[in-house]
Amino acid sequence: MDTKLTLKLNQEIIEKAKKYASDQKLSLSRIVENYLQSLTSDKRNDDIEISPFVKSLATGVSIPSDLNYKKEYSDYLMEKYK
């Protein structure tokens, strides 16, 4: 059930928000509703679903936190072009 809500906001912000909503092809009400939903959602930020494509990229290889990738890459290039 939809219910009407009245808000008092700065006119400049309203105009910018209307332009943004128009550019996104959404209503301003829908944007506000989505924002409020995200604020009050039971989901935590770390519960974001990972897409199947991103999951398919996972190799299971762990990278050491102290890895010097510049040195590793330099060593790789030196070996490659011997």
Protein backbone atom coordinates (compact mmCIF):
# COMPACT_ATOMS: atom_id res chain seq x y z
CA MET A 1 0.00 0.00 0.00
CA ASP A 2 1.43 3.36 -1.00
CA THR A 3 1.10 6.30 1.37
CA LYS A 4 1.73 9.94 0.66
CA LEU A 5 4.69 11.63 2.38
CA THR A 6 5.41 15.35 2.52
CA LEU A 7 9.00 16.53 2.89
CA LYS A 8 10.54 19.98 3.26
CA LEU A 9 13.79 20.19 1.30
CA ASN A 10 16.03 22.84 -0.17
CA GLN A 11 14.64 23.92 -3.57
CA GLU A 12 18.03 23.56 -5.29
CA ILE A 13 18.35 19.98 -4.07
CA ILE A 14 14.84 19.19 -5.25
CA GLU A 15 15.62 20.49 -8.74
CA LYS A 16 18.86 18.49 -8.92
CA ALA A 17 17.08 15.38 -7.67
CA LYS A 18 14.32 15.81 -10.27
CA LYS A 19 16.94 16.11 -13.03
CA TYR A 20 18.74 13.02 -11.74
CA ALA A 21 15.45 11.08 -11.58
CA SER A 22 14.59 12.12 -15.13
CA ASP A 23 18.03 11.09 -16.39
CA GLN A 24 17.63 7.70 -14.69
CA LYS A 25 14.07 7.32 -16.05
CA LEU A 26 12.77 6.88 -12.51
CA SER A 27 10.36 8.85 -10.39
CA LEU A 28 11.71 10.88 -7.52
CA SER A 29 9.36 8.97 -5.23
CA ARG A 30 10.88 5.66 -6.36
CA ILE A 31 14.41 6.94 -5.72
CA VAL A 32 13.49 8.13 -2.21
CA GLU A 33 11.69 4.84 -1.54
CA ASN A 34 14.73 2.81 -2.67
CA TYR A 35 17.04 4.95 -0.54
CA LEU A 36 14.89 4.56 2.55
CA GLN A 37 14.62 0.83 1.87
CA SER A 38 18.42 0.55 1.72
CA LEU A 39 18.71 2.39 5.03
CA THR A 40 16.20 0.19 6.81
CA SER A 41 17.05 -3.12 5.15
CA ASP A 42 17.98 -6.05 7.36
CA LYS A 43 20.76 -6.97 4.93
CA ARG A 44 24.22 -5.89 5.96
CA ASN A 45 26.70 -4.51 3.39
CA ASP A 46 28.76 -7.69 3.52
CA ASP A 47 25.68 -9.71 2.51
CA ILE A 48 25.83 -8.36 -1.04
CA GLU A 49 25.23 -11.14 -3.53
CA ILE A 50 28.14 -11.91 -5.83
CA SER A 51 27.17 -12.45 -9.46
CA PRO A 52 27.80 -15.86 -11.04
CA PHE A 53 30.27 -14.26 -13.48
CA VAL A 54 32.41 -12.88 -10.65
CA LYS A 55 32.21 -16.21 -8.84
CA SER A 56 33.45 -17.93 -11.99
CA LEU A 57 36.59 -15.78 -11.89
CA ALA A 58 37.58 -17.05 -8.45
CA THR A 59 40.61 -19.33 -8.59
CA GLY A 60 40.93 -20.27 -4.96
CA VAL A 61 44.53 -19.01 -4.88
CA SER A 62 45.35 -16.90 -1.85
CA ILE A 63 47.75 -14.00 -2.34
CA PRO A 64 50.14 -13.18 0.51
CA SER A 65 49.52 -9.75 2.03
CA ASP A 66 53.21 -8.86 1.80
CA LEU A 67 53.52 -9.73 -1.91
CA ASN A 68 55.68 -7.25 -3.83
CA TYR A 69 53.80 -7.41 -7.12
CA LYS A 70 56.12 -4.92 -8.84
CA LYS A 71 59.15 -7.10 -8.12
CA GLU A 72 57.28 -10.24 -9.15
CA TYR A 73 56.23 -8.65 -12.42
CA SER A 74 59.75 -7.34 -13.04
CA ASP A 75 61.17 -10.81 -12.42
CA TYR A 76 58.60 -12.28 -14.79
CA LEU A 77 59.53 -9.83 -17.55
CA MET A 78 63.27 -10.42 -17.03
CA GLU A 79 62.73 -14.17 -17.37
CA LYS A 80 60.43 -13.76 -20.37
CA TYR A 81 62.84 -11.62 -22.38
CA LYS A 82 66.11 -13.46 -21.63
